[in-house]
Amino acid sequence: MRMLSVRLDDEESAALQTVCAQTGMTKTEVVKAGIMNMAKQQVKRKSAYELAEQMGLVGCFEGPADLAEKAGEYAKERIREKHHPH
C-alpha cells in the first residue's frame, strides 16, 4: 500500500472535516472515495463519436459514406473538376 501526503488549505480542510462528520467516514476513506469517483467519471466519458452517435448525428448528413476516410481524395477530385471541367 502506498502512502500519500496532501496539503489542504483551510477551506479544503473544513470541507473534508464536514464530509467526515456527515458520513462517518475517516479522512482516508473520504479521499479514497473521491479518487475512485473521479476515476469512474473519467472512464465513463464518451468520445466525440459516441456522443454524436447517441445524439443521432452519425449518418444524418448527405454525402459519401467514406468521406472521413477519403476526404483528401474527394477534395482533390473537386479541385480538378473546378479547374478542368468536363
PDB file of N, CA and C in Angstrom:
ATOM      1  N   MET A   1       0.843  -1.171   0.000  1.00  0.00           N
ATOM      2  CA  MET A   1       0.000   0.000   0.000  1.00  0.00           C
ATOM      3  C   MET A   1       0.893   1.240   0.000  1.00  0.00           C
ATOM      4  N   ARG A   2       0.508   2.224  -0.766  1.00  0.00           N
ATOM      5  CA  ARG A   2       1.276   3.463  -0.881  1.00  0.00           C
ATOM      6  C   ARG A   2       0.734   4.512   0.082  1.00  0.00           C
ATOM      7  N   MET A   3       1.608   5.397   0.486  1.00  0.00           N
ATOM      8  CA  MET A   3       1.208   6.477   1.376  1.00  0.00           C
ATOM      9  C   MET A   3       1.271   7.785   0.593  1.00  0.00           C
ATOM     10  N   LEU A   4       0.312   8.673   0.867  1.00  0.00           N
ATOM     11  CA  LEU A   4       0.226   9.951   0.173  1.00  0.00           C
ATOM     12  C   LEU A   4       0.074  11.054   1.214  1.00  0.00           C
ATOM     13  N   SER A   5       0.851  12.107   1.039  1.00  0.00           N
ATOM     14  CA  SER A   5       0.728  13.266   1.911  1.00  0.00           C
ATOM     15  C   SER A   5       0.126  14.385   1.077  1.00  0.00           C
ATOM     16  N   VAL A   6      -0.934  15.007   1.609  1.00  0.00           N
ATOM     17  CA  VAL A   6      -1.640  16.044   0.858  1.00  0.00           C
ATOM     18  C   VAL A   6      -1.727  17.300   1.703  1.00  0.00           C
ATOM     19  N   ARG A   7      -1.466  18.434   1.076  1.00  0.00           N
ATOM     20  CA  ARG A   7      -1.617  19.720   1.770  1.00  0.00           C
ATOM     21  C   ARG A   7      -2.956  20.319   1.387  1.00  0.00           C
ATOM     22  N   LEU A   8      -3.718  20.702   2.398  1.00  0.00           N
ATOM     23  CA  LEU A   8      -5.026  21.303   2.178  1.00  0.00           C
ATOM     24  C   LEU A   8      -5.040  22.716   2.741  1.00  0.00           C
ATOM     25  N   ASP A   9      -5.703  23.626   2.023  1.00  0.00           N
ATOM     26  CA  ASP A   9      -5.882  24.959   2.600  1.00  0.00           C
ATOM     27  C   ASP A   9      -7.028  24.876   3.609  1.00  0.00           C
ATOM     28  N   ASP A  10      -7.314  25.982   4.271  1.00  0.00           N
ATOM     29  CA  ASP A  10      -8.334  25.977   5.329  1.00  0.00           C
ATOM     30  C   ASP A  10      -9.703  25.553   4.805  1.00  0.00           C
ATOM     31  N   GLU A  11     -10.075  26.040   3.629  1.00  0.00           N
ATOM     32  CA  GLU A  11     -11.388  25.710   3.059  1.00  0.00           C
ATOM     33  C   GLU A  11     -11.486  24.223   2.726  1.00  0.00           C
ATOM     34  N   GLU A  12     -10.438  23.680   2.124  1.00  0.00           N
ATOM     35  CA  GLU A  12     -10.436  22.251   1.780  1.00  0.00           C
ATOM     36  C   GLU A  12     -10.459  21.379   3.033  1.00  0.00           C
ATOM     37  N   SER A  13      -9.698  21.801   4.052  1.00  0.00           N
ATOM     38  CA  SER A  13      -9.669  21.049   5.306  1.00  0.00           C
ATOM     39  C   SER A  13     -11.043  21.057   5.971  1.00  0.00           C
ATOM     40  N   ALA A  14     -11.697  22.207   5.969  1.00  0.00           N
ATOM     41  CA  ALA A  14     -13.034  22.310   6.561  1.00  0.00           C
ATOM     42  C   ALA A  14     -14.027  21.445   5.795  1.00  0.00           C
ATOM     43  N   ALA A  15     -13.923  21.452   4.458  1.00  0.00           N
ATOM     44  CA  ALA A  15     -14.824  20.630   3.644  1.00  0.00           C
ATOM     45  C   ALA A  15     -14.605  19.153   3.951  1.00  0.00           C
ATOM     46  N   LEU A  16     -13.353  18.740   4.080  1.00  0.00           N
ATOM     47  CA  LEU A  16     -13.048  17.344   4.403  1.00  0.00           C
ATOM     48  C   LEU A  16     -13.625  16.973   5.767  1.00  0.00           C
ATOM     49  N   GLN A  17     -13.457  17.831   6.748  1.00  0.00           N
ATOM     50  CA  GLN A  17     -13.991  17.565   8.089  1.00  0.00           C
ATOM     51  C   GLN A  17     -15.515  17.475   8.069  1.00  0.00           C
ATOM     52  N   THR A  18     -16.142  18.330   7.276  1.00  0.00           N
ATOM     53  CA  THR A  18     -17.604  18.312   7.166  1.00  0.00           C
ATOM     54  C   THR A  18     -18.085  16.999   6.561  1.00  0.00           C
ATOM     55  N   VAL A  19     -17.429  16.575   5.486  1.00  0.00           N
ATOM     56  CA  VAL A  19     -17.809  15.309   4.841  1.00  0.00           C
ATOM     57  C   VAL A  19     -17.617  14.150   5.804  1.00  0.00           C
ATOM     58  N   CYS A  20     -16.518  14.148   6.523  1.00  0.00           N
ATOM     59  CA  CYS A  20     -16.259  13.083   7.505  1.00  0.00           C
ATOM     60  C   CYS A  20     -17.348  13.065   8.578  1.00  0.00           C
ATOM     61  N   ALA A  21     -17.721  14.236   9.074  1.00  0.00           N
ATOM     62  CA  ALA A  21     -18.743  14.315  10.121  1.00  0.00           C
ATOM     63  C   ALA A  21     -20.102  13.851   9.605  1.00  0.00           C
ATOM     64  N   GLN A  22     -20.420  14.216   8.363  1.00  0.00           N
ATOM     65  CA  GLN A  22     -21.730  13.866   7.801  1.00  0.00           C
ATOM     66  C   GLN A  22     -21.831  12.393   7.417  1.00  0.00           C
ATOM     67  N   THR A  23     -20.722  11.819   7.004  1.00  0.00           N
ATOM     68  CA  THR A  23     -20.768  10.432   6.508  1.00  0.00           C
ATOM     69  C   THR A  23     -20.274   9.409   7.521  1.00  0.00           C
ATOM     70  N   GLY A  24     -19.538   9.867   8.518  1.00  0.00           N
ATOM     71  CA  GLY A  24     -18.955   8.929   9.471  1.00  0.00           C
ATOM     72  C   GLY A  24     -17.712   8.239   8.918  1.00  0.00           C
ATOM     73  N   MET A  25     -17.247   8.711   7.776  1.00  0.00           N
ATOM     74  CA  MET A  25     -16.051   8.123   7.157  1.00  0.00           C
ATOM     75  C   MET A  25     -14.799   8.809   7.702  1.00  0.00           C
ATOM     76  N   THR A  26     -13.690   8.089   7.653  1.00  0.00           N
ATOM     77  CA  THR A  26     -12.416   8.688   8.041  1.00  0.00           C
ATOM     78  C   THR A  26     -11.920   9.563   6.889  1.00  0.00           C
ATOM     79  N   LYS A  27     -10.922  10.386   7.189  1.00  0.00           N
ATOM     80  CA  LYS A  27     -10.336  11.235   6.141  1.00  0.00           C
ATOM     81  C   LYS A  27      -9.794  10.372   5.008  1.00  0.00           C
ATOM     82  N   THR A  28      -9.143   9.302   5.371  1.00  0.00           N
ATOM     83  CA  THR A  28      -8.585   8.399   4.364  1.00  0.00           C
ATOM     84  C   THR A  28      -9.682   7.825   3.484  1.00  0.00           C
ATOM     85  N   GLU A  29     -10.771   7.393   4.092  1.00  0.00           N
ATOM     86  CA  GLU A  29     -11.883   6.822   3.328  1.00  0.00           C
ATOM     87  C   GLU A  29     -12.492   7.850   2.381  1.00  0.00           C
ATOM     88  N   VAL A  30     -12.638   9.082   2.854  1.00  0.00           N
ATOM     89  CA  VAL A  30     -13.214  10.140   2.017  1.00  0.00           C
ATOM     90  C   VAL A  30     -12.304  10.429   0.829  1.00  0.00           C
ATOM     91  N   VAL A  31     -11.009  10.549   1.076  1.00  0.00           N
ATOM     92  CA  VAL A  31     -10.061  10.831  -0.012  1.00  0.00           C
ATOM     93  C   VAL A  31     -10.057   9.682  -1.019  1.00  0.00           C
ATOM     94  N   LYS A  32     -10.028   8.454  -0.534  1.00  0.00           N
ATOM     95  CA  LYS A  32     -10.042   7.304  -1.437  1.00  0.00           C
ATOM     96  C   LYS A  32     -11.329   7.264  -2.260  1.00  0.00           C
ATOM     97  N   ALA A  33     -12.463   7.543  -1.615  1.00  0.00           N
ATOM     98  CA  ALA A  33     -13.741   7.549  -2.329  1.00  0.00           C
ATOM     99  C   ALA A  33     -13.748   8.639  -3.403  1.00  0.00           C
ATOM    100  N   GLY A  34     -13.198   9.805  -3.057  1.00  0.00           N
ATOM    101  CA  GLY A  34     -13.123  10.894  -4.033  1.00  0.00           C
ATOM    102  C   GLY A  34     -12.276  10.527  -5.230  1.00  0.00           C
ATOM    103  N   ILE A  35     -11.159   9.883  -4.991  1.00  0.00           N
ATOM    104  CA  ILE A  35     -10.287   9.447  -6.084  1.00  0.00           C
ATOM    105  C   ILE A  35     -11.019   8.444  -6.983  1.00  0.00           C
ATOM    106  N   MET A  36     -11.685   7.476  -6.377  1.00  0.00           N
ATOM    107  CA  MET A  36     -12.386   6.462  -7.161  1.00  0.00           C
ATOM    108  C   MET A  36     -13.544   7.069  -7.956  1.00  0.00           C
ATOM    109  N   ASN A  37     -14.268   8.024  -7.349  1.00  0.00           N
ATOM    110  CA  ASN A  37     -15.357   8.690  -8.073  1.00  0.00           C
ATOM    111  C   ASN A  37     -14.828   9.440  -9.295  1.00  0.00           C
ATOM    112  N   MET A  38     -13.732  10.149  -9.126  1.00  0.00           N
ATOM    113  CA  MET A  38     -13.150  10.871 -10.264  1.00  0.00           C
ATOM    114  C   MET A  38     -12.657   9.897 -11.328  1.00  0.00           C
ATOM    115  N   ALA A  39     -12.052   8.798 -10.910  1.00  0.00           N
ATOM    116  CA  ALA A  39     -11.564   7.806 -11.875  1.00  0.00           C
ATOM    117  C   ALA A  39     -12.722   7.220 -12.672  1.00  0.00           C
ATOM    118  N   LYS A  40     -13.838   6.943 -12.015  1.00  0.00           N
ATOM    119  CA  LYS A  40     -15.013   6.394 -12.702  1.00  0.00           C
ATOM    120  C   LYS A  40     -15.590   7.400 -13.683  1.00  0.00           C
ATOM    121  N   GLN A  41     -15.603   8.670 -13.312  1.00  0.00           N
ATOM    122  CA  GLN A  41     -16.113   9.709 -14.205  1.00  0.00           C
ATOM    123  C   GLN A  41     -15.256   9.803 -15.464  1.00  0.00           C
ATOM    124  N   GLN A  42     -13.961   9.667 -15.304  1.00  0.00           N
ATOM    125  CA  GLN A  42     -13.066   9.732 -16.458  1.00  0.00           C
ATOM    126  C   GLN A  42     -13.320   8.572 -17.406  1.00  0.00           C
ATOM    127  N   VAL A  43     -13.542   7.410 -16.847  1.00  0.00           N
ATOM    128  CA  VAL A  43     -13.792   6.220 -17.660  1.00  0.00           C
ATOM    129  C   VAL A  43     -15.128   6.335 -18.379  1.00  0.00           C
ATOM    130  N   LYS A  44     -16.125   6.917 -17.722  1.00  0.00           N
ATOM    131  CA  LYS A  44     -17.458   6.995 -18.290  1.00  0.00           C
ATOM    132  C   LYS A  44     -17.588   8.046 -19.382  1.00  0.00           C
ATOM    133  N   ARG A  45     -16.614   8.937 -19.513  1.00  0.00           N
ATOM    134  CA  ARG A  45     -16.714   9.973 -20.533  1.00  0.00           C
ATOM    135  C   ARG A  45     -16.718   9.335 -21.905  1.00  0.00           C
ATOM    136  N   LYS A  46     -17.607   9.805 -22.737  1.00  0.00           N
ATOM    137  CA  LYS A  46     -17.739   9.246 -24.076  1.00  0.00           C
ATOM    138  C   LYS A  46     -16.927  10.053 -25.068  1.00  0.00           C
ATOM    139  N   SER A  47     -16.512   9.379 -26.111  1.00  0.00           N
ATOM    140  CA  SER A  47     -15.771  10.056 -27.175  1.00  0.00           C
ATOM    141  C   SER A  47     -16.729  10.942 -27.962  1.00  0.00           C
ATOM    142  N   ALA A  48     -16.160  11.821 -28.768  1.00  0.00           N
ATOM    143  CA  ALA A  48     -16.985  12.695 -29.606  1.00  0.00           C
ATOM    144  C   ALA A  48     -17.859  11.861 -30.535  1.00  0.00           C
ATOM    145  N   TYR A  49     -17.300  10.788 -31.065  1.00  0.00           N
ATOM    146  CA  TYR A  49     -18.070   9.916 -31.951  1.00  0.00           C
ATOM    147  C   TYR A  49     -19.249   9.287 -31.203  1.00  0.00           C
ATOM    148  N   GLU A  50     -18.978   8.782 -29.993  1.00  0.00           N
ATOM    149  CA  GLU A  50     -20.049   8.154 -29.210  1.00  0.00           C
ATOM    150  C   GLU A  50     -21.164   9.153 -28.887  1.00  0.00           C
ATOM    151  N   LEU A  51     -20.773  10.372 -28.549  1.00  0.00           N
ATOM    152  CA  LEU A  51     -21.777  11.393 -28.258  1.00  0.00           C
ATOM    153  C   LEU A  51     -22.581  11.741 -29.507  1.00  0.00           C
ATOM    154  N   ALA A  52     -21.894  11.888 -30.648  1.00  0.00           N
ATOM    155  CA  ALA A  52     -22.585  12.205 -31.897  1.00  0.00           C
ATOM    156  C   ALA A  52     -23.523  11.074 -32.289  1.00  0.00           C
ATOM    157  N   GLU A  53     -23.076   9.848 -32.100  1.00  0.00           N
ATOM    158  CA  GLU A  53     -23.921   8.698 -32.422  1.00  0.00           C
ATOM    159  C   GLU A  53     -25.149   8.670 -31.514  1.00  0.00           C
ATOM    160  N   GLN A  54     -24.933   8.918 -30.231  1.00  0.00           N
ATOM    161  CA  GLN A  54     -26.023   8.928 -29.267  1.00  0.00           C
ATOM    162  C   GLN A  54     -27.043  10.025 -29.599  1.00  0.00           C
ATOM    163  N   MET A  55     -26.572  11.140 -30.127  1.00  0.00           N
ATOM    164  CA  MET A  55     -27.453  12.260 -30.477  1.00  0.00           C
ATOM    165  C   MET A  55     -28.096  12.089 -31.848  1.00  0.00           C
ATOM    166  N   GLY A  56     -27.775  10.995 -32.527  1.00  0.00           N
ATOM    167  CA  GLY A  56     -28.365  10.740 -33.831  1.00  0.00           C
ATOM    168  C   GLY A  56     -27.720  11.519 -34.962  1.00  0.00           C
ATOM    169  N   LEU A  57     -26.509  12.011 -34.742  1.00  0.00           N
ATOM    170  CA  LEU A  57     -25.835  12.801 -35.766  1.00  0.00           C
ATOM    171  C   LEU A  57     -25.052  11.941 -36.762  1.00  0.00           C
ATOM    172  N   VAL A  58     -24.653  10.754 -36.339  1.00  0.00           N
ATOM    173  CA  VAL A  58     -23.886   9.879 -37.223  1.00  0.00           C
ATOM    174  C   VAL A  58     -24.813   9.360 -38.310  1.00  0.00           C
ATOM    175  N   GLY A  59     -24.452   9.632 -39.546  1.00  0.00           N
ATOM    176  CA  GLY A  59     -25.227   9.156 -40.681  1.00  0.00           C
ATOM    177  C   GLY A  59     -26.420  10.019 -41.038  1.00  0.00           C
ATOM    178  N   CYS A  60     -26.573  11.180 -40.417  1.00  0.00           N
ATOM    179  CA  CYS A  60     -27.745  12.003 -40.700  1.00  0.00           C
ATOM    180  C   CYS A  60     -27.483  13.037 -41.801  1.00  0.00           C
ATOM    181  N   PHE A  61     -26.235  13.106 -42.272  1.00  0.00           N
ATOM    182  CA  PHE A  61     -25.899  14.071 -43.310  1.00  0.00           C
ATOM    183  C   PHE A  61     -25.758  13.371 -44.648  1.00  0.00           C
ATOM    184  N   GLU A  62     -25.987  14.112 -45.704  1.00  0.00           N
ATOM    185  CA  GLU A  62     -25.840  13.549 -47.042  1.00  0.00           C
ATOM    186  C   GLU A  62     -24.376  13.626 -47.472  1.00  0.00           C
ATOM    187  N   GLY A  63     -24.008  12.719 -48.333  1.00  0.00           N
ATOM    188  CA  GLY A  63     -22.646  12.711 -48.849  1.00  0.00           C
ATOM    189  C   GLY A  63     -22.090  11.311 -48.839  1.00  0.00           C
ATOM    190  N   PRO A  64     -20.876  11.170 -49.333  1.00  0.00           N
ATOM    191  CA  PRO A  64     -20.258   9.840 -49.388  1.00  0.00           C
ATOM    192  C   PRO A  64     -20.095   9.246 -47.986  1.00  0.00           C
ATOM    193  N   ALA A  65     -20.359   7.976 -47.871  1.00  0.00           N
ATOM    194  CA  ALA A  65     -20.258   7.301 -46.574  1.00  0.00           C
ATOM    195  C   ALA A  65     -18.817   7.228 -46.078  1.00  0.00           C
ATOM    196  N   ASP A  66     -17.861   7.262 -46.994  1.00  0.00           N
ATOM    197  CA  ASP A  66     -16.454   7.131 -46.617  1.00  0.00           C
ATOM    198  C   ASP A  66     -15.724   8.472 -46.615  1.00  0.00           C
ATOM    199  N   LEU A  67     -16.444   9.562 -46.455  1.00  0.00           N
ATOM    200  CA  LEU A  67     -15.845  10.890 -46.525  1.00  0.00           C
ATOM    201  C   LEU A  67     -14.726  11.077 -45.508  1.00  0.00           C
ATOM    202  N   ALA A  68     -14.908  10.599 -44.300  1.00  0.00           N
ATOM    203  CA  ALA A  68     -13.873  10.764 -43.281  1.00  0.00           C
ATOM    204  C   ALA A  68     -12.590  10.048 -43.670  1.00  0.00           C
ATOM    205  N   GLU A  69     -12.727   8.901 -44.317  1.00  0.00           N
ATOM    206  CA  GLU A  69     -11.556   8.114 -44.701  1.00  0.00           C
ATOM    207  C   GLU A  69     -10.883   8.667 -45.953  1.00  0.00           C
ATOM    208  N   LYS A  70     -11.660   9.237 -46.861  1.00  0.00           N
ATOM    209  CA  LYS A  70     -11.121   9.655 -48.153  1.00  0.00           C
ATOM    210  C   LYS A  70     -11.303  11.151 -48.412  1.00  0.00           C
ATOM    211  N   ALA A  71     -11.276  11.951 -47.355  1.00  0.00           N
ATOM    212  CA  ALA A  71     -11.512  13.395 -47.506  1.00  0.00           C
ATOM    213  C   ALA A  71     -10.520  14.022 -48.479  1.00  0.00           C
ATOM    214  N   GLY A  72      -9.255  13.639 -48.380  1.00  0.00           N
ATOM    215  CA  GLY A  72      -8.226  14.190 -49.267  1.00  0.00           C
ATOM    216  C   GLY A  72      -8.499  13.876 -50.726  1.00  0.00           C
ATOM    217  N   GLU A  73      -8.902  12.645 -50.997  1.00  0.00           N
ATOM    218  CA  GLU A  73      -9.198  12.240 -52.373  1.00  0.00           C
ATOM    219  C   GLU A  73     -10.385  13.021 -52.933  1.00  0.00           C
ATOM    220  N   TYR A  74     -11.419  13.187 -52.113  1.00  0.00           N
ATOM    221  CA  TYR A  74     -12.587  13.941 -52.565  1.00  0.00           C
ATOM    222  C   TYR A  74     -12.248  15.406 -52.803  1.00  0.00           C
ATOM    223  N   ALA A  75     -11.403  15.969 -51.947  1.00  0.00           N
ATOM    224  CA  ALA A  75     -11.001  17.364 -52.119  1.00  0.00           C
ATOM    225  C   ALA A  75     -10.222  17.535 -53.415  1.00  0.00           C
ATOM    226  N   LYS A  76      -9.272  16.637 -53.683  1.00  0.00           N
ATOM    227  CA  LYS A  76      -8.507  16.708 -54.931  1.00  0.00           C
ATOM    228  C   LYS A  76      -9.420  16.590 -56.142  1.00  0.00           C
ATOM    229  N   GLU A  77     -10.378  15.688 -56.060  1.00  0.00           N
ATOM    230  CA  GLU A  77     -11.325  15.480 -57.151  1.00  0.00           C
ATOM    231  C   GLU A  77     -12.129  16.756 -57.426  1.00  0.00           C
ATOM    232  N   ARG A  78     -12.593  17.413 -56.371  1.00  0.00           N
ATOM    233  CA  ARG A  78     -13.368  18.648 -56.527  1.00  0.00           C
ATOM    234  C   ARG A  78     -12.520  19.763 -57.122  1.00  0.00           C
ATOM    235  N   ILE A  79     -11.267  19.844 -56.686  1.00  0.00           N
ATOM    236  CA  ILE A  79     -10.358  20.874 -57.228  1.00  0.00           C
ATOM    237  C   ILE A  79     -10.106  20.626 -58.705  1.00  0.00           C
ATOM    238  N   ARG A  80      -9.857  19.374 -59.090  1.00  0.00           N
ATOM    239  CA  ARG A  80      -9.650  19.036 -60.509  1.00  0.00           C
ATOM    240  C   ARG A  80     -10.876  19.405 -61.335  1.00  0.00           C
ATOM    241  N   GLU A  81     -12.073  19.072 -60.805  1.00  0.00           N
ATOM    242  CA  GLU A  81     -13.315  19.395 -61.523  1.00  0.00           C
ATOM    243  C   GLU A  81     -13.477  20.908 -61.695  1.00  0.00           C
ATOM    244  N   LYS A  82     -13.080  21.653 -60.699  1.00  0.00           N
ATOM    245  CA  LYS A  82     -13.245  23.097 -60.749  1.00  0.00           C
ATOM    246  C   LYS A  82     -12.295  23.727 -61.767  1.00  0.00           C
ATOM    247  N   HIS A  83     -11.071  23.204 -61.865  1.00  0.00           N
ATOM    248  CA  HIS A  83     -10.072  23.763 -62.772  1.00  0.00           C
ATOM    249  C   HIS A  83     -10.083  23.135 -64.161  1.00  0.00           C
ATOM    250  N   HIS A  84     -10.598  21.943 -64.255  1.00  0.00           N
ATOM    251  CA  HIS A  84     -10.653  21.230 -65.554  1.00  0.00           C
ATOM    252  C   HIS A  84     -12.042  20.650 -65.749  1.00  0.00           C
ATOM    253  N   PRO A  85     -13.035  21.504 -65.987  1.00  0.00           N
ATOM    254  CA  PRO A  85     -14.405  20.979 -66.162  1.00  0.00           C
ATOM    255  C   PRO A  85     -14.485  20.104 -67.404  1.00  0.00           C
ATOM    256  N   HIS A  86     -15.341  19.144 -67.370  1.00  0.00           N
ATOM    257  CA  HIS A  86     -15.508  18.205 -68.491  1.00  0.00           C
ATOM    258  C   HIS A  86     -16.281  18.807 -69.583  1.00  0.00           C
TER     259      HIS A  86
END
